[in-house]
């Protein structure tokens, strides 16, 4: 079974309807068609980033700058998780810095997003996430919001922020629902 994601990318699902798992495989070059960069330059900052297709998984890299009140870089991609998704597993390797997994459940830019932090490792590592691991935020500040439900996700993203100035590099292999 496949779930459509955007115009050309598919999330593959496995298992039975009660216990399905969606897998975003970042080794699939078609995924780049759906990814987009959002950096602090949208508000005058000077950070920059890009993603590179690699046979082992998409590489998200760049430089975070604190100039002009900046300080973040992100990559985002539309998602469509199964109704029974109770958790996520993100497989990455990186530079030892802290990143945030972001989930957006509403299309409005005035709606809160949900964030959960993890620290990357130089070796491939799978990071588990459950809804309770995510905090609702708006423009970097905690807000009151209903609890996160993964099947309501419209977009997922990765963010580096929190005054971590300098070069960064994070490679993504897979995002899977459980």
Protein backbone atom coordinates (compact mmCIF):
# COMPACT_ATOMS: atom_id res chain seq x y z
CA UNK A 1 0.00 0.00 0.00
CA UNK A 2 1.20 3.56 -0.67
CA UNK A 3 0.10 6.87 0.79
CA UNK A 4 0.39 9.79 -1.58
CA UNK A 5 2.64 12.61 -0.45
CA UNK A 6 2.70 15.62 -2.68
CA UNK A 7 2.84 15.11 -6.41
CA UNK A 8 5.65 12.59 -6.72
CA UNK A 9 6.77 11.20 -3.37
CA UNK A 10 5.26 8.17 -1.74
CA UNK A 11 5.31 6.95 1.83
CA UNK A 12 5.39 3.19 1.81
CA UNK A 13 3.20 1.43 4.35
CA UNK A 14 3.67 -2.03 5.70
CA UNK A 15 1.54 -4.36 7.78
CA UNK A 16 -2.15 -4.64 8.48
CA UNK A 17 -4.60 -1.78 8.81
CA UNK A 18 -4.47 -1.97 12.64
CA UNK A 19 -0.70 -2.05 12.75
CA UNK A 20 0.62 -0.18 9.73
CA UNK A 21 3.91 1.66 9.48
CA UNK A 22 4.70 4.50 7.11
CA UNK A 23 8.30 4.86 6.01
CA UNK A 24 9.90 7.91 4.44
CA UNK A 25 13.13 6.64 2.92
CA UNK A 26 15.54 9.56 2.49
CA UNK A 27 17.70 7.49 0.14
CA UNK A 28 14.95 7.96 -2.46
CA UNK A 29 16.01 10.89 -4.71
CA UNK A 30 12.35 11.76 -5.43
CA UNK A 31 12.06 12.99 -1.85
CA UNK A 32 14.07 16.11 -2.75
CA UNK A 33 11.15 17.20 -4.95
CA UNK A 34 9.07 17.69 -1.79
CA UNK A 35 11.66 19.18 0.59
CA UNK A 36 12.11 22.91 1.13
CA UNK A 37 14.48 25.08 3.12
CA UNK A 38 13.24 27.67 5.62
CA UNK A 39 15.98 29.71 7.32
CA UNK A 40 16.09 32.81 9.48
CA UNK A 41 16.49 34.97 6.36
CA UNK A 42 12.67 35.03 6.28
CA UNK A 43 13.02 37.55 9.14
CA UNK A 44 16.34 39.20 8.26
CA UNK A 45 18.82 36.62 9.60
CA UNK A 46 21.93 35.41 7.80
CA UNK A 47 21.87 31.62 8.29
CA UNK A 48 22.00 29.39 5.23
CA UNK A 49 21.38 25.73 4.55
CA UNK A 50 20.80 23.24 1.80
CA UNK A 51 20.02 19.58 1.36
CA UNK A 52 22.00 17.20 -0.80
CA UNK A 53 20.81 13.89 -2.21
CA UNK A 54 23.18 11.09 -1.18
CA UNK A 55 22.83 7.30 -1.68
CA UNK A 56 22.92 6.87 2.12
CA UNK A 57 20.28 9.56 2.77
CA UNK A 58 19.59 13.27 2.38
CA UNK A 59 22.23 15.56 3.93
CA UNK A 60 20.97 18.75 5.58
CA UNK A 61 23.89 21.11 6.07
CA UNK A 62 24.80 24.75 6.33
CA UNK A 63 25.81 27.47 8.75
CA UNK A 64 23.77 29.08 11.51
CA UNK A 65 24.46 32.78 12.02
CA UNK A 66 23.33 34.88 14.97
CA UNK A 67 23.69 38.11 12.95
CA UNK A 68 20.63 40.36 12.60
CA UNK A 69 18.80 38.46 15.38
CA UNK A 70 18.94 35.26 13.33
CA UNK A 71 19.85 31.82 14.54
CA UNK A 72 18.03 28.98 12.81
CA UNK A 73 18.02 26.81 9.72
CA UNK A 74 15.43 24.19 8.80
CA UNK A 75 14.28 21.78 6.15
CA UNK A 76 10.62 20.77 5.79
CA UNK A 77 8.60 18.19 3.91
CA UNK A 78 4.88 17.33 3.64
CA UNK A 79 3.73 14.11 5.35
CA UNK A 80 0.65 11.95 5.63
CA UNK A 81 0.91 9.48 8.51
CA UNK A 82 -1.49 6.54 9.08
CA UNK A 83 -4.40 6.97 11.50
CA UNK A 84 -2.90 4.49 13.96
CA UNK A 85 0.57 6.09 14.16
CA UNK A 86 1.48 6.15 17.85
CA UNK A 87 5.17 6.98 17.50
CA UNK A 88 7.94 8.00 15.15
CA UNK A 89 11.46 6.73 14.63
CA UNK A 90 13.97 9.00 12.89
CA UNK A 91 17.29 7.52 11.75
CA UNK A 92 20.12 10.06 11.45
CA UNK A 93 23.81 10.60 11.78
CA UNK A 94 25.42 13.96 12.30
CA UNK A 95 27.82 16.24 14.04
CA UNK A 96 26.88 15.83 17.71
CA UNK A 97 24.73 18.96 17.80
CA UNK A 98 21.16 19.26 19.05
CA UNK A 99 18.37 19.33 16.46
CA UNK A 100 14.61 19.53 16.70
CA UNK A 101 12.06 17.38 14.95
CA UNK A 102 9.13 19.63 14.02
CA UNK A 103 5.56 18.58 13.25
CA UNK A 104 3.03 21.01 11.79
CA UNK A 105 -0.65 20.02 12.00
CA UNK A 106 -2.20 23.18 10.50
CA UNK A 107 -1.41 24.98 7.26
CA UNK A 108 -1.65 28.43 8.85
CA UNK A 109 1.65 30.11 9.69
CA UNK A 110 -0.13 31.53 12.76
CA UNK A 111 -0.75 28.05 14.19
CA UNK A 112 1.60 26.42 16.71
CA UNK A 113 4.09 23.75 15.71
CA UNK A 114 5.22 20.79 17.80
CA UNK A 115 8.93 20.34 18.58
CA UNK A 116 11.03 17.61 20.16
CA UNK A 117 14.82 17.76 20.53
CA UNK A 118 17.46 15.11 19.91
CA UNK A 119 21.25 15.06 19.78
CA UNK A 120 22.87 13.68 16.63
CA UNK A 121 25.68 11.14 16.65
CA UNK A 122 28.54 10.48 14.23
CA UNK A 123 27.14 6.94 13.82
CA UNK A 124 23.70 6.03 12.49
CA UNK A 125 21.22 6.29 15.34
CA UNK A 126 17.45 5.82 15.55
CA UNK A 127 15.65 8.39 17.70
CA UNK A 128 12.21 7.34 19.02
CA UNK A 129 9.46 9.93 19.54
CA UNK A 130 6.01 9.65 21.07
CA UNK A 131 3.41 12.45 21.08
CA UNK A 132 4.18 13.37 24.71
CA UNK A 133 7.80 14.17 23.68
CA UNK A 134 6.61 17.18 21.68
CA UNK A 135 5.99 20.68 23.00
CA UNK A 136 3.64 23.08 21.22
CA UNK A 137 5.41 26.32 20.32
CA UNK A 138 4.79 29.47 18.35
CA UNK A 139 7.83 31.40 17.14
CA UNK A 140 10.08 29.57 19.59
CA UNK A 141 7.91 30.10 22.67
CA UNK A 142 5.78 27.46 24.43
CA UNK A 143 2.01 27.82 23.94
CA UNK A 144 -1.09 25.98 25.09
CA UNK A 145 -2.36 23.63 22.38
CA UNK A 146 -4.15 20.33 22.09
CA UNK A 147 -1.93 17.23 22.36
CA UNK A 148 -0.13 16.15 19.19
CA UNK A 149 -1.77 13.43 17.10
CA UNK A 150 0.64 12.11 14.46
CA UNK A 151 -2.10 11.30 11.94
CA UNK A 152 -2.99 15.03 11.88
CA UNK A 153 0.52 15.98 10.71
CA UNK A 154 0.73 17.92 7.45
CA UNK A 155 4.46 18.60 7.51
CA UNK A 156 7.55 17.45 9.32
CA UNK A 157 10.81 19.29 9.57
CA UNK A 158 14.23 19.42 11.12
CA UNK A 159 15.57 22.55 12.77
CA UNK A 160 18.87 23.64 14.24
CA UNK A 161 18.58 26.68 16.52
CA UNK A 162 19.11 27.62 20.17
CA UNK A 163 22.16 29.81 19.51
CA UNK A 164 24.20 26.97 17.96
CA UNK A 165 26.16 29.26 15.65
CA UNK A 166 28.47 27.75 13.06
CA UNK A 167 28.55 24.87 10.61
CA UNK A 168 26.19 21.91 10.93
CA UNK A 169 25.56 18.66 9.07
CA UNK A 170 22.82 16.08 9.63
CA UNK A 171 22.15 13.09 7.39
CA UNK A 172 18.67 11.56 7.29
CA UNK A 173 18.10 7.93 6.40
CA UNK A 174 14.50 7.19 7.38
CA UNK A 175 11.41 8.46 9.22
CA UNK A 176 9.05 5.69 10.22
CA UNK A 177 5.76 5.60 12.09
CA UNK A 178 5.10 2.89 14.65
